[in-house]
Amino acid sequence: MQPITGNKLKGDFVVGFMLSPDLKQVVLILKDHPDELKGWLNGLGGAVEPGESNVRAMVRKFQDEAGILTAESDWIHFGGKTTSEMRLAYYFCISEKYEAVRTAAGEHVCAIARAELDEYPLLPEIHDVLAHLDMRLLTSYAT
């Protein structure tokens, strides 16, 4: 698999990660488009439509891609990145619904054991994103 060398995406985008309640599973999608993401596992999401909030786009894209209806209140923003041509917001939710995800829009969607992610073609930056999420979870849910 070739490394990603450039990003042609323009506009506002969301990427979300549904985690199992025990935090051991994550829902990912095997991308078949756009070309720079083809063949990589990524969080679910996509473009934010004009006039749409980021979190509303997250709900819409998760339902479109995984066939699961979530609520805006299920999703928690935990970071993102901005370039001169793109803004990307990262979200997560923790839900038992992870067991019911299915491929709904052509690209393969499934829950994967987080301990086994190194065995899959994970989009390189997603390792860092999930590490950032883990830090957020540790600070938010520490007892």
C-alpha atoms as a PDB file:
ATOM      1  CA  MET A   1       0.000   0.000   0.000  1.00  0.00           C
ATOM      2  CA  GLN A   2       1.359   3.403  -0.961  1.00  0.00           C
ATOM      3  CA  PRO A   3       1.634   6.112   1.687  1.00  0.00           C
ATOM      4  CA  ILE A   4      -0.636   9.091   1.378  1.00  0.00           C
ATOM      5  CA  THR A   5       1.398  11.838  -0.254  1.00  0.00           C
ATOM      6  CA  GLY A   6      -1.103  14.642  -0.654  1.00  0.00           C
ATOM      7  CA  ASN A   7      -4.544  15.626   0.384  1.00  0.00           C
ATOM      8  CA  LYS A   8      -6.894  16.843  -2.321  1.00  0.00           C
ATOM      9  CA  LEU A   9      -9.895  17.169  -0.030  1.00  0.00           C
ATOM     10  CA  LYS A  10     -11.429  20.628   0.250  1.00  0.00           C
ATOM     11  CA  GLY A  11     -14.151  21.872   2.590  1.00  0.00           C
ATOM     12  CA  ASP A  12     -15.480  20.795   5.969  1.00  0.00           C
ATOM     13  CA  PHE A  13     -15.417  17.136   6.999  1.00  0.00           C
ATOM     14  CA  VAL A  14     -16.209  14.962  10.008  1.00  0.00           C
ATOM     15  CA  VAL A  15     -14.746  11.613  11.036  1.00  0.00           C
ATOM     16  CA  GLY A  16     -16.235   9.586  13.864  1.00  0.00           C
ATOM     17  CA  PHE A  17     -15.300   6.539  15.872  1.00  0.00           C
ATOM     18  CA  MET A  18     -17.943   4.448  17.634  1.00  0.00           C
ATOM     19  CA  LEU A  19     -16.445   2.496  20.503  1.00  0.00           C
ATOM     20  CA  SER A  20     -17.854  -0.463  22.376  1.00  0.00           C
ATOM     21  CA  PRO A  21     -18.787   0.201  26.022  1.00  0.00           C
ATOM     22  CA  ASP A  22     -15.644  -1.660  27.164  1.00  0.00           C
ATOM     23  CA  LEU A  23     -13.584   0.489  24.722  1.00  0.00           C
ATOM     24  CA  LYS A  24     -12.075  -2.652  23.157  1.00  0.00           C
ATOM     25  CA  GLN A  25     -13.808  -2.404  19.757  1.00  0.00           C
ATOM     26  CA  VAL A  26     -13.887   0.468  17.249  1.00  0.00           C
ATOM     27  CA  VAL A  27     -16.085   0.826  14.186  1.00  0.00           C
ATOM     28  CA  LEU A  28     -14.120   1.574  11.012  1.00  0.00           C
ATOM     29  CA  ILE A  29     -14.759   1.756   7.282  1.00  0.00           C
ATOM     30  CA  LEU A  30     -12.579   0.410   4.465  1.00  0.00           C
ATOM     31  CA  LYS A  31     -12.443   3.336   2.063  1.00  0.00           C
ATOM     32  CA  ASP A  32     -12.848   2.868  -1.691  1.00  0.00           C
ATOM     33  CA  HIS A  33     -12.911   6.613  -2.441  1.00  0.00           C
ATOM     34  CA  PRO A  34     -11.553   9.259  -2.740  1.00  0.00           C
ATOM     35  CA  ASP A  35      -8.380   7.953  -4.355  1.00  0.00           C
ATOM     36  CA  GLU A  36      -6.061   9.217  -1.602  1.00  0.00           C
ATOM     37  CA  LEU A  37      -8.016   7.184   1.002  1.00  0.00           C
ATOM     38  CA  LYS A  38      -8.719   4.077  -1.112  1.00  0.00           C
ATOM     39  CA  GLY A  39      -7.676   0.851   0.611  1.00  0.00           C
ATOM     40  CA  TRP A  40      -7.278   2.391   4.076  1.00  0.00           C
ATOM     41  CA  LEU A  41      -9.397   1.868   7.168  1.00  0.00           C
ATOM     42  CA  ASN A  42     -10.707   5.128   8.589  1.00  0.00           C
ATOM     43  CA  GLY A  43     -13.375   6.393  10.919  1.00  0.00           C
ATOM     44  CA  LEU A  44     -16.798   6.933   9.402  1.00  0.00           C
ATOM     45  CA  GLY A  45     -17.788  10.333   8.111  1.00  0.00           C
ATOM     46  CA  GLY A  46     -17.495  12.664   5.201  1.00  0.00           C
ATOM     47  CA  ALA A  47     -18.346  16.100   3.940  1.00  0.00           C
ATOM     48  CA  VAL A  48     -20.437  18.572   5.901  1.00  0.00           C
ATOM     49  CA  GLU A  49     -23.225  19.929   3.716  1.00  0.00           C
ATOM     50  CA  PRO A  50     -23.830  23.703   3.442  1.00  0.00           C
ATOM     51  CA  GLY A  51     -25.835  24.910   6.447  1.00  0.00           C
ATOM     52  CA  GLU A  52     -25.310  21.643   8.323  1.00  0.00           C
ATOM     53  CA  SER A  53     -23.581  21.504  11.700  1.00  0.00           C
ATOM     54  CA  ASN A  54     -20.603  19.191  12.106  1.00  0.00           C
ATOM     55  CA  VAL A  55     -22.378  16.989  14.631  1.00  0.00           C
ATOM     56  CA  ARG A  56     -25.474  16.731  12.420  1.00  0.00           C
ATOM     57  CA  ALA A  57     -23.207  15.655   9.554  1.00  0.00           C
ATOM     58  CA  MET A  58     -21.699  13.020  11.872  1.00  0.00           C
ATOM     59  CA  VAL A  59     -25.133  11.569  12.630  1.00  0.00           C
ATOM     60  CA  ARG A  60     -26.098  11.591   8.935  1.00  0.00           C
ATOM     61  CA  LYS A  61     -22.861  10.032   7.696  1.00  0.00           C
ATOM     62  CA  PHE A  62     -22.838   7.326  10.371  1.00  0.00           C
ATOM     63  CA  GLN A  63     -26.365   6.306   9.447  1.00  0.00           C
ATOM     64  CA  ASP A  64     -25.577   6.430   5.715  1.00  0.00           C
ATOM     65  CA  GLU A  65     -22.441   4.315   6.044  1.00  0.00           C
ATOM     66  CA  ALA A  66     -23.218   1.950   8.950  1.00  0.00           C
ATOM     67  CA  GLY A  67     -27.013   1.813   8.956  1.00  0.00           C
ATOM     68  CA  ILE A  68     -27.188   2.932  12.595  1.00  0.00           C
ATOM     69  CA  LEU A  69     -29.225   5.898  13.766  1.00  0.00           C
ATOM     70  CA  THR A  70     -27.497   7.873  16.498  1.00  0.00           C
ATOM     71  CA  ALA A  71     -28.385  11.154  18.165  1.00  0.00           C
ATOM     72  CA  GLU A  72     -26.376  14.357  18.034  1.00  0.00           C
ATOM     73  CA  SER A  73     -25.974  14.062  21.807  1.00  0.00           C
ATOM     74  CA  ASP A  74     -24.221  10.680  21.358  1.00  0.00           C
ATOM     75  CA  TRP A  75     -21.234  12.268  19.611  1.00  0.00           C
ATOM     76  CA  ILE A  76     -18.432  14.055  21.467  1.00  0.00           C
ATOM     77  CA  HIS A  77     -15.981  16.289  19.628  1.00  0.00           C
ATOM     78  CA  PHE A  78     -12.374  15.522  20.572  1.00  0.00           C
ATOM     79  CA  GLY A  79     -10.167  17.268  18.064  1.00  0.00           C
ATOM     80  CA  GLY A  80      -9.487  17.898  14.439  1.00  0.00           C
ATOM     81  CA  LYS A  81      -7.151  19.526  12.017  1.00  0.00           C
ATOM     82  CA  THR A  82      -7.256  22.505   9.715  1.00  0.00           C
ATOM     83  CA  THR A  83      -5.352  23.221   6.531  1.00  0.00           C
ATOM     84  CA  SER A  84      -5.702  26.095   4.109  1.00  0.00           C
ATOM     85  CA  GLU A  85      -8.351  24.139   2.185  1.00  0.00           C
ATOM     86  CA  MET A  86      -9.901  21.748   4.682  1.00  0.00           C
ATOM     87  CA  ARG A  87     -11.325  21.602   8.191  1.00  0.00           C
ATOM     88  CA  LEU A  88     -11.717  18.176   9.769  1.00  0.00           C
ATOM     89  CA  ALA A  89     -13.519  17.521  13.069  1.00  0.00           C
ATOM     90  CA  TYR A  90     -13.087  14.251  14.994  1.00  0.00           C
ATOM     91  CA  TYR A  91     -15.922  12.755  17.047  1.00  0.00           C
ATOM     92  CA  PHE A  92     -16.436   9.655  19.141  1.00  0.00           C
ATOM     93  CA  CYS A  93     -19.335   7.919  20.813  1.00  0.00           C
ATOM     94  CA  ILE A  94     -19.539   4.925  23.111  1.00  0.00           C
ATOM     95  CA  SER A  95     -22.465   2.664  22.347  1.00  0.00           C
ATOM     96  CA  GLU A  96     -23.685  -0.908  22.402  1.00  0.00           C
ATOM     97  CA  LYS A  97     -24.911  -0.225  18.860  1.00  0.00           C
ATOM     98  CA  TYR A  98     -21.389  -1.039  17.622  1.00  0.00           C
ATOM     99  CA  GLU A  99     -22.512  -4.688  17.413  1.00  0.00           C
ATOM    100  CA  ALA A 100     -25.212  -3.826  14.865  1.00  0.00           C
ATOM    101  CA  VAL A 101     -23.137  -1.889  12.330  1.00  0.00           C
ATOM    102  CA  ARG A 102     -23.342  -3.089   8.765  1.00  0.00           C
ATOM    103  CA  THR A 103     -22.176  -2.033   5.352  1.00  0.00           C
ATOM    104  CA  ALA A 104     -24.899   0.336   4.162  1.00  0.00           C
ATOM    105  CA  ALA A 105     -23.286   2.456   1.431  1.00  0.00           C
ATOM    106  CA  GLY A 106     -20.931   0.158  -0.451  1.00  0.00           C
ATOM    107  CA  GLU A 107     -17.767   0.632   1.595  1.00  0.00           C
ATOM    108  CA  HIS A 108     -17.153  -2.185   4.090  1.00  0.00           C
ATOM    109  CA  VAL A 109     -17.979  -1.211   7.706  1.00  0.00           C
ATOM    110  CA  CYS A 110     -17.135  -3.351  10.729  1.00  0.00           C
ATOM    111  CA  ALA A 111     -16.119  -3.331  14.375  1.00  0.00           C
ATOM    112  CA  ILE A 112     -12.484  -4.267  14.914  1.00  0.00           C
ATOM    113  CA  ALA A 113     -10.708  -5.197  18.138  1.00  0.00           C
ATOM    114  CA  ARG A 114      -8.488  -2.246  19.002  1.00  0.00           C
ATOM    115  CA  ALA A 115      -5.733  -4.616  20.152  1.00  0.00           C
ATOM    116  CA  GLU A 116      -5.561  -5.989  16.588  1.00  0.00           C
ATOM    117  CA  LEU A 117      -5.473  -2.696  14.656  1.00  0.00           C
ATOM    118  CA  ASP A 118      -1.819  -3.142  13.690  1.00  0.00           C
ATOM    119  CA  GLU A 119      -2.881  -6.128  11.578  1.00  0.00           C
ATOM    120  CA  TYR A 120      -5.068  -3.927   9.334  1.00  0.00           C
ATOM    121  CA  PRO A 121      -4.388  -1.189   6.752  1.00  0.00           C
ATOM    122  CA  LEU A 122      -5.220   1.632   9.122  1.00  0.00           C
ATOM    123  CA  LEU A 123      -4.888   5.138   7.705  1.00  0.00           C
ATOM    124  CA  PRO A 124      -1.544   6.206   9.240  1.00  0.00           C
ATOM    125  CA  GLU A 125      -2.814   9.313  11.021  1.00  0.00           C
ATOM    126  CA  ILE A 126      -5.624   7.337  12.667  1.00  0.00           C
ATOM    127  CA  HIS A 127      -3.136   5.737  15.080  1.00  0.00           C
ATOM    128  CA  ASP A 128      -2.387   9.234  16.401  1.00  0.00           C
ATOM    129  CA  VAL A 129      -6.062  10.191  16.417  1.00  0.00           C
ATOM    130  CA  LEU A 130      -6.981   7.118  18.463  1.00  0.00           C
ATOM    131  CA  ALA A 131      -4.069   7.778  20.848  1.00  0.00           C
ATOM    132  CA  HIS A 132      -5.429  11.319  21.313  1.00  0.00           C
ATOM    133  CA  LEU A 133      -8.873   9.831  21.944  1.00  0.00           C
ATOM    134  CA  ASP A 134      -7.413   7.458  24.537  1.00  0.00           C
ATOM    135  CA  MET A 135      -5.885  10.417  26.380  1.00  0.00           C
ATOM    136  CA  ARG A 136      -9.253  12.174  26.275  1.00  0.00           C
ATOM    137  CA  LEU A 137     -10.971   9.090  27.659  1.00  0.00           C
ATOM    138  CA  LEU A 138      -8.404   8.687  30.420  1.00  0.00           C
ATOM    139  CA  THR A 139      -8.822  12.268  31.577  1.00  0.00           C
ATOM    140  CA  SER A 140     -12.617  12.286  31.188  1.00  0.00           C
ATOM    141  CA  TYR A 141     -13.455   8.927  32.719  1.00  0.00           C
ATOM    142  CA  ALA A 142     -10.706   8.497  35.316  1.00  0.00           C
ATOM    143  CA  THR A 143     -12.040   7.379  38.651  1.00  0.00           C
END
